[in-house]
Amino acid sequence: MIEVLKNIDTWLLLLINSSNNSFFDGLMWWISDKFIWIPLYLFLLFKLYQKYRSDIWKIFIVITLTIGLSDGISSGIIKKQVKRYRPSHHLEIKDSLHLHKYQNGTYYAGGKYGFVSSHAANSAAIAFLILLFLGRFSKHYYWMIIWSLTVSYSRMYLGVHYPSDIIGGILVGVLSAYISYSLGVKFLKISLKRENKPKGSSII
């Protein structure tokens, strides 16, 4: 059974990775970049400030705890304990992958170990935390799920993560966000009272 799951995992990765072209090669590379999303993070911080002005410092603590848990568990614990090679480092399939090529002719292969995906964990943690804090007031923030899944997809497209790496990362991220959110509400006494908005108005 485990061997069957491994074969499915590899098959799905190769299917996603082989569906490439020059346009998506560049697009997925940028989507996978952490720093390109800084404007999005600033926008989300601004919306959180609008909603939780007096508690924004508490929100910031929860955000820090969430990312710390997500990244710490995924990279600091699971990767080091499981030590599963990324597909881009796996001798049996790495030559079958389409990897991002730098201008100097070298290829991006990521770190040695890939389970679980930190990109998937951290993006899922951010998305779920935003839904917990802002999605409860407005349906407009459910696009964060699409954003998180797109970031995760880019990691498979680039050939540096198996689908199971992504699934594991998402679970870690969601769990990290829920734990941090619950602790923040309980111990920091973050007020979650919904503001009275005029009918038809939107938080965003």
C-alpha atoms as a PDB file:
ATOM      1  CA  MET A   1       0.000   0.000   0.000  1.00  0.00           C
ATOM      2  CA  ILE A   2       2.804   2.410   0.905  1.00  0.00           C
ATOM      3  CA  GLU A   3       4.532   1.641  -2.378  1.00  0.00           C
ATOM      4  CA  VAL A   4       1.323   2.360  -4.283  1.00  0.00           C
ATOM      5  CA  LEU A   5       0.983   5.731  -2.553  1.00  0.00           C
ATOM      6  CA  LYS A   6       4.611   6.555  -3.366  1.00  0.00           C
ATOM      7  CA  ASN A   7       4.003   5.726  -7.026  1.00  0.00           C
ATOM      8  CA  ILE A   8       0.895   7.930  -7.116  1.00  0.00           C
ATOM      9  CA  ASP A   9       2.834  10.711  -5.413  1.00  0.00           C
ATOM     10  CA  THR A  10       5.595  10.530  -8.016  1.00  0.00           C
ATOM     11  CA  TRP A  11       3.146  10.241 -10.905  1.00  0.00           C
ATOM     12  CA  LEU A  12       1.228  13.346  -9.825  1.00  0.00           C
ATOM     13  CA  LEU A  13       4.449  15.308  -9.399  1.00  0.00           C
ATOM     14  CA  LEU A  14       5.717  14.370 -12.856  1.00  0.00           C
ATOM     15  CA  LEU A  15       2.324  15.198 -14.364  1.00  0.00           C
ATOM     16  CA  ILE A  16       2.315  18.678 -12.812  1.00  0.00           C
ATOM     17  CA  ASN A  17       5.993  19.329 -13.473  1.00  0.00           C
ATOM     18  CA  SER A  18       5.818  18.223 -17.117  1.00  0.00           C
ATOM     19  CA  SER A  19       2.953  20.625 -17.904  1.00  0.00           C
ATOM     20  CA  ASN A  20       5.359  23.490 -18.403  1.00  0.00           C
ATOM     21  CA  ASN A  21       5.984  26.311 -20.829  1.00  0.00           C
ATOM     22  CA  SER A  22       8.171  29.423 -20.840  1.00  0.00           C
ATOM     23  CA  PHE A  23       5.410  31.700 -19.534  1.00  0.00           C
ATOM     24  CA  PHE A  24       4.488  29.537 -16.551  1.00  0.00           C
ATOM     25  CA  ASP A  25       8.146  28.798 -15.846  1.00  0.00           C
ATOM     26  CA  GLY A  26       8.650  32.473 -15.047  1.00  0.00           C
ATOM     27  CA  LEU A  27       5.272  32.948 -13.384  1.00  0.00           C
ATOM     28  CA  MET A  28       5.633  29.999 -11.022  1.00  0.00           C
ATOM     29  CA  TRP A  29       9.150  31.059 -10.110  1.00  0.00           C
ATOM     30  CA  TRP A  30       7.888  34.466  -9.014  1.00  0.00           C
ATOM     31  CA  ILE A  31       4.842  33.035  -7.238  1.00  0.00           C
ATOM     32  CA  SER A  32       7.190  30.794  -5.266  1.00  0.00           C
ATOM     33  CA  ASP A  33       9.340  33.756  -4.206  1.00  0.00           C
ATOM     34  CA  LYS A  34       8.711  34.858  -0.608  1.00  0.00           C
ATOM     35  CA  PHE A  35       9.653  38.489  -0.999  1.00  0.00           C
ATOM     36  CA  ILE A  36       7.360  39.255  -3.933  1.00  0.00           C
ATOM     37  CA  TRP A  37       4.398  38.900  -1.557  1.00  0.00           C
ATOM     38  CA  ILE A  38       5.546  41.647   0.827  1.00  0.00           C
ATOM     39  CA  PRO A  39       2.924  44.109  -0.566  1.00  0.00           C
ATOM     40  CA  LEU A  40       0.230  41.502   0.157  1.00  0.00           C
ATOM     41  CA  TYR A  41       1.477  41.051   3.717  1.00  0.00           C
ATOM     42  CA  LEU A  42       1.452  44.819   4.267  1.00  0.00           C
ATOM     43  CA  PHE A  43      -2.078  45.034   2.882  1.00  0.00           C
ATOM     44  CA  LEU A  44      -3.268  42.284   5.214  1.00  0.00           C
ATOM     45  CA  LEU A  45      -1.598  43.972   8.200  1.00  0.00           C
ATOM     46  CA  PHE A  46      -3.402  47.178   7.274  1.00  0.00           C
ATOM     47  CA  LYS A  47      -6.775  45.398   7.128  1.00  0.00           C
ATOM     48  CA  LEU A  48      -6.058  43.762  10.478  1.00  0.00           C
ATOM     49  CA  TYR A  49      -5.219  47.174  11.923  1.00  0.00           C
ATOM     50  CA  GLN A  50      -8.494  48.573  10.596  1.00  0.00           C
ATOM     51  CA  LYS A  51     -10.430  45.803  12.304  1.00  0.00           C
ATOM     52  CA  TYR A  52      -8.452  45.417  15.528  1.00  0.00           C
ATOM     53  CA  ARG A  53      -6.916  48.828  16.178  1.00  0.00           C
ATOM     54  CA  SER A  54      -6.513  48.561  19.940  1.00  0.00           C
ATOM     55  CA  ASP A  55      -5.497  44.901  19.753  1.00  0.00           C
ATOM     56  CA  ILE A  56      -3.103  45.125  16.796  1.00  0.00           C
ATOM     57  CA  TRP A  57      -0.060  44.413  18.967  1.00  0.00           C
ATOM     58  CA  LYS A  58      -1.778  41.247  20.176  1.00  0.00           C
ATOM     59  CA  ILE A  59      -2.520  40.293  16.575  1.00  0.00           C
ATOM     60  CA  PHE A  60       1.145  40.811  15.726  1.00  0.00           C
ATOM     61  CA  ILE A  61       2.134  38.433  18.544  1.00  0.00           C
ATOM     62  CA  VAL A  62      -0.261  35.805  17.171  1.00  0.00           C
ATOM     63  CA  ILE A  63       1.136  36.245  13.649  1.00  0.00           C
ATOM     64  CA  THR A  64       4.696  35.866  14.922  1.00  0.00           C
ATOM     65  CA  LEU A  65       3.747  32.769  16.906  1.00  0.00           C
ATOM     66  CA  THR A  66       1.938  31.277  13.902  1.00  0.00           C
ATOM     67  CA  ILE A  67       4.871  31.671  11.513  1.00  0.00           C
ATOM     68  CA  GLY A  68       7.286  30.535  14.208  1.00  0.00           C
ATOM     69  CA  LEU A  69       5.288  27.366  14.794  1.00  0.00           C
ATOM     70  CA  SER A  70       4.663  26.676  11.124  1.00  0.00           C
ATOM     71  CA  ASP A  71       8.237  27.199   9.977  1.00  0.00           C
ATOM     72  CA  GLY A  72       9.743  25.661  13.091  1.00  0.00           C
ATOM     73  CA  ILE A  73       7.681  22.483  12.866  1.00  0.00           C
ATOM     74  CA  SER A  74       8.055  22.067   9.099  1.00  0.00           C
ATOM     75  CA  SER A  75      11.734  22.973   8.674  1.00  0.00           C
ATOM     76  CA  GLY A  76      13.155  22.722  12.164  1.00  0.00           C
ATOM     77  CA  ILE A  77      11.552  19.447  13.220  1.00  0.00           C
ATOM     78  CA  ILE A  78       9.835  17.357  10.540  1.00  0.00           C
ATOM     79  CA  LYS A  79      12.352  17.813   7.725  1.00  0.00           C
ATOM     80  CA  LYS A  80      15.260  17.026  10.019  1.00  0.00           C
ATOM     81  CA  GLN A  81      13.557  13.977  11.500  1.00  0.00           C
ATOM     82  CA  VAL A  82      11.970  12.465   8.381  1.00  0.00           C
ATOM     83  CA  LYS A  83      14.875  13.316   6.028  1.00  0.00           C
ATOM     84  CA  ARG A  84      12.940  12.594   2.873  1.00  0.00           C
ATOM     85  CA  TYR A  85      14.820  13.727  -0.218  1.00  0.00           C
ATOM     86  CA  ARG A  86      13.196  16.317  -2.419  1.00  0.00           C
ATOM     87  CA  PRO A  87      12.328  14.980  -5.874  1.00  0.00           C
ATOM     88  CA  SER A  88      14.980  17.338  -7.253  1.00  0.00           C
ATOM     89  CA  HIS A  89      17.551  15.480  -5.111  1.00  0.00           C
ATOM     90  CA  HIS A  90      16.145  11.991  -5.703  1.00  0.00           C
ATOM     91  CA  LEU A  91      18.532  10.013  -7.908  1.00  0.00           C
ATOM     92  CA  GLU A  92      15.734   8.007  -9.570  1.00  0.00           C
ATOM     93  CA  ILE A  93      13.636  10.916 -10.851  1.00  0.00           C
ATOM     94  CA  LYS A  94      15.664  14.133 -10.698  1.00  0.00           C
ATOM     95  CA  ASP A  95      16.797  13.757 -14.314  1.00  0.00           C
ATOM     96  CA  SER A  96      13.145  13.493 -15.396  1.00  0.00           C
ATOM     97  CA  LEU A  97      12.214  16.828 -13.827  1.00  0.00           C
ATOM     98  CA  HIS A  98      11.966  20.218 -15.451  1.00  0.00           C
ATOM     99  CA  LEU A  99      13.820  22.515 -13.016  1.00  0.00           C
ATOM    100  CA  HIS A 100      14.175  26.281 -12.975  1.00  0.00           C
ATOM    101  CA  LYS A 101      17.365  27.310 -14.749  1.00  0.00           C
ATOM    102  CA  TYR A 102      19.380  30.303 -13.571  1.00  0.00           C
ATOM    103  CA  GLN A 103      21.106  32.630 -15.997  1.00  0.00           C
ATOM    104  CA  ASN A 104      24.484  31.129 -15.080  1.00  0.00           C
ATOM    105  CA  GLY A 105      23.308  27.719 -16.264  1.00  0.00           C
ATOM    106  CA  THR A 106      22.768  26.104 -12.842  1.00  0.00           C
ATOM    107  CA  TYR A 107      19.431  24.720 -11.699  1.00  0.00           C
ATOM    108  CA  TYR A 108      17.285  25.456  -8.650  1.00  0.00           C
ATOM    109  CA  ALA A 109      16.805  22.273  -6.649  1.00  0.00           C
ATOM    110  CA  GLY A 110      16.033  23.587  -3.146  1.00  0.00           C
ATOM    111  CA  GLY A 111      17.441  22.083   0.044  1.00  0.00           C
ATOM    112  CA  LYS A 112      18.140  18.379   0.399  1.00  0.00           C
ATOM    113  CA  TYR A 113      14.968  17.413   2.290  1.00  0.00           C
ATOM    114  CA  GLY A 114      11.404  18.225   1.321  1.00  0.00           C
ATOM    115  CA  PHE A 115       8.876  16.712   3.731  1.00  0.00           C
ATOM    116  CA  VAL A 116       7.045  18.804   4.670  1.00  0.00           C
ATOM    117  CA  SER A 117       6.941  21.888   2.439  1.00  0.00           C
ATOM    118  CA  SER A 118       7.657  25.071   4.390  1.00  0.00           C
ATOM    119  CA  HIS A 119       6.155  27.162   1.584  1.00  0.00           C
ATOM    120  CA  ALA A 120       2.912  25.201   1.838  1.00  0.00           C
ATOM    121  CA  ALA A 121       2.947  25.322   5.638  1.00  0.00           C
ATOM    122  CA  ASN A 122       3.605  29.042   5.927  1.00  0.00           C
ATOM    123  CA  SER A 123       1.215  30.135   3.178  1.00  0.00           C
ATOM    124  CA  ALA A 124      -1.539  27.913   4.610  1.00  0.00           C
ATOM    125  CA  ALA A 125      -0.858  29.296   8.090  1.00  0.00           C
ATOM    126  CA  ILE A 126      -1.162  32.888   6.871  1.00  0.00           C
ATOM    127  CA  ALA A 127      -4.297  32.168   4.831  1.00  0.00           C
ATOM    128  CA  PHE A 128      -6.068  30.311   7.640  1.00  0.00           C
ATOM    129  CA  LEU A 129      -5.116  32.930  10.214  1.00  0.00           C
ATOM    130  CA  ILE A 130      -6.522  35.692   8.010  1.00  0.00           C
ATOM    131  CA  LEU A 131      -9.744  33.717   7.592  1.00  0.00           C
ATOM    132  CA  LEU A 132     -10.011  33.311  11.350  1.00  0.00           C
ATOM    133  CA  PHE A 133      -9.475  37.005  12.026  1.00  0.00           C
ATOM    134  CA  LEU A 134     -11.092  38.626   8.980  1.00  0.00           C
ATOM    135  CA  GLY A 135     -13.041  35.957   7.118  1.00  0.00           C
ATOM    136  CA  ARG A 136     -15.498  35.708   9.996  1.00  0.00           C
ATOM    137  CA  PHE A 137     -16.655  39.203   9.016  1.00  0.00           C
ATOM    138  CA  SER A 138     -16.347  39.114   5.234  1.00  0.00           C
ATOM    139  CA  LYS A 139     -16.481  36.445   2.535  1.00  0.00           C
ATOM    140  CA  HIS A 140     -14.006  38.465   0.473  1.00  0.00           C
ATOM    141  CA  TYR A 141     -11.014  36.926   2.236  1.00  0.00           C
ATOM    142  CA  TYR A 142     -11.642  33.413   0.992  1.00  0.00           C
ATOM    143  CA  TRP A 143      -9.395  34.205  -1.972  1.00  0.00           C
ATOM    144  CA  MET A 144      -6.578  33.639   0.518  1.00  0.00           C
ATOM    145  CA  ILE A 145      -7.211  29.912   0.090  1.00  0.00           C
ATOM    146  CA  ILE A 146      -6.591  30.225  -3.657  1.00  0.00           C
ATOM    147  CA  TRP A 147      -3.427  32.224  -2.969  1.00  0.00           C
ATOM    148  CA  SER A 148      -2.126  29.573  -0.581  1.00  0.00           C
ATOM    149  CA  LEU A 149      -2.899  26.716  -2.965  1.00  0.00           C
ATOM    150  CA  THR A 150      -1.255  28.582  -5.856  1.00  0.00           C
ATOM    151  CA  VAL A 151       1.939  29.044  -3.856  1.00  0.00           C
ATOM    152  CA  SER A 152       1.864  25.348  -2.990  1.00  0.00           C
ATOM    153  CA  TYR A 153       1.228  24.365  -6.601  1.00  0.00           C
ATOM    154  CA  SER A 154       4.233  26.401  -7.719  1.00  0.00           C
ATOM    155  CA  ARG A 155       6.498  24.226  -5.578  1.00  0.00           C
ATOM    156  CA  MET A 156       5.362  21.094  -7.408  1.00  0.00           C
ATOM    157  CA  TYR A 157       5.546  22.829 -10.773  1.00  0.00           C
ATOM    158  CA  LEU A 158       9.165  23.746 -10.005  1.00  0.00           C
ATOM    159  CA  GLY A 159       9.881  20.109  -9.184  1.00  0.00           C
ATOM    160  CA  VAL A 160      11.062  20.620  -5.614  1.00  0.00           C
ATOM    161  CA  HIS A 161       8.161  19.029  -3.719  1.00  0.00           C
ATOM    162  CA  TYR A 162       5.954  15.968  -3.966  1.00  0.00           C
ATOM    163  CA  PRO A 163       2.178  16.401  -3.538  1.00  0.00           C
ATOM    164  CA  SER A 164       2.473  14.641  -0.159  1.00  0.00           C
ATOM    165  CA  ASP A 165       5.012  17.289   0.925  1.00  0.00           C
ATOM    166  CA  ILE A 166       2.403  19.908   0.104  1.00  0.00           C
ATOM    167  CA  ILE A 167      -0.447  18.146   1.890  1.00  0.00           C
ATOM    168  CA  GLY A 168       1.684  17.666   4.980  1.00  0.00           C
ATOM    169  CA  GLY A 169       2.751  21.301   4.897  1.00  0.00           C
ATOM    170  CA  ILE A 170      -0.831  22.545   4.618  1.00  0.00           C
ATOM    171  CA  LEU A 171      -1.852  20.463   7.636  1.00  0.00           C
ATOM    172  CA  VAL A 172       1.056  21.869   9.659  1.00  0.00           C
ATOM    173  CA  GLY A 173       0.171  25.434   8.636  1.00  0.00           C
ATOM    174  CA  VAL A 174      -3.525  25.148   9.448  1.00  0.00           C
ATOM    175  CA  LEU A 175      -2.788  23.522  12.799  1.00  0.00           C
ATOM    176  CA  SER A 176      -0.202  26.201  13.661  1.00  0.00           C
ATOM    177  CA  ALA A 177      -2.641  28.992  12.825  1.00  0.00           C
ATOM    178  CA  TYR A 178      -5.453  27.424  14.838  1.00  0.00           C
ATOM    179  CA  ILE A 179      -3.244  26.887  17.894  1.00  0.00           C
ATOM    180  CA  SER A 180      -1.875  30.439  17.777  1.00  0.00           C
ATOM    181  CA  TYR A 181      -5.314  31.933  17.207  1.00  0.00           C
ATOM    182  CA  SER A 182      -6.832  29.953  20.086  1.00  0.00           C
ATOM    183  CA  LEU A 183      -4.023  30.950  22.441  1.00  0.00           C
ATOM    184  CA  GLY A 184      -4.326  34.583  21.390  1.00  0.00           C
ATOM    185  CA  VAL A 185      -8.064  34.697  21.991  1.00  0.00           C
ATOM    186  CA  LYS A 186      -7.793  32.898  25.323  1.00  0.00           C
ATOM    187  CA  PHE A 187      -4.691  34.423  26.918  1.00  0.00           C
ATOM    188  CA  LEU A 188      -4.322  37.776  25.135  1.00  0.00           C
ATOM    189  CA  LYS A 189      -8.065  38.448  25.326  1.00  0.00           C
ATOM    190  CA  ILE A 190      -8.328  39.564  21.715  1.00  0.00           C
ATOM    191  CA  SER A 191     -11.752  41.060  21.157  1.00  0.00           C
ATOM    192  CA  LEU A 192     -13.628  39.331  18.356  1.00  0.00           C
ATOM    193  CA  LYS A 193     -16.797  41.377  18.578  1.00  0.00           C
ATOM    194  CA  ARG A 194     -18.232  42.075  15.177  1.00  0.00           C
ATOM    195  CA  GLU A 195     -18.651  45.727  14.350  1.00  0.00           C
ATOM    196  CA  ASN A 196     -22.024  46.949  13.256  1.00  0.00           C
ATOM    197  CA  LYS A 197     -21.706  47.761   9.583  1.00  0.00           C
ATOM    198  CA  PRO A 198     -24.282  49.504   7.402  1.00  0.00           C
ATOM    199  CA  LYS A 199     -26.217  47.012   5.328  1.00  0.00           C
ATOM    200  CA  GLY A 200     -24.451  46.233   2.089  1.00  0.00           C
ATOM    201  CA  SER A 201     -21.078  47.511   3.278  1.00  0.00           C
ATOM    202  CA  SER A 202     -17.896  45.454   3.008  1.00  0.00           C
ATOM    203  CA  ILE A 203     -14.964  45.177   5.319  1.00  0.00           C
ATOM    204  CA  ILE A 204     -12.573  45.214   2.406  1.00  0.00           C
END
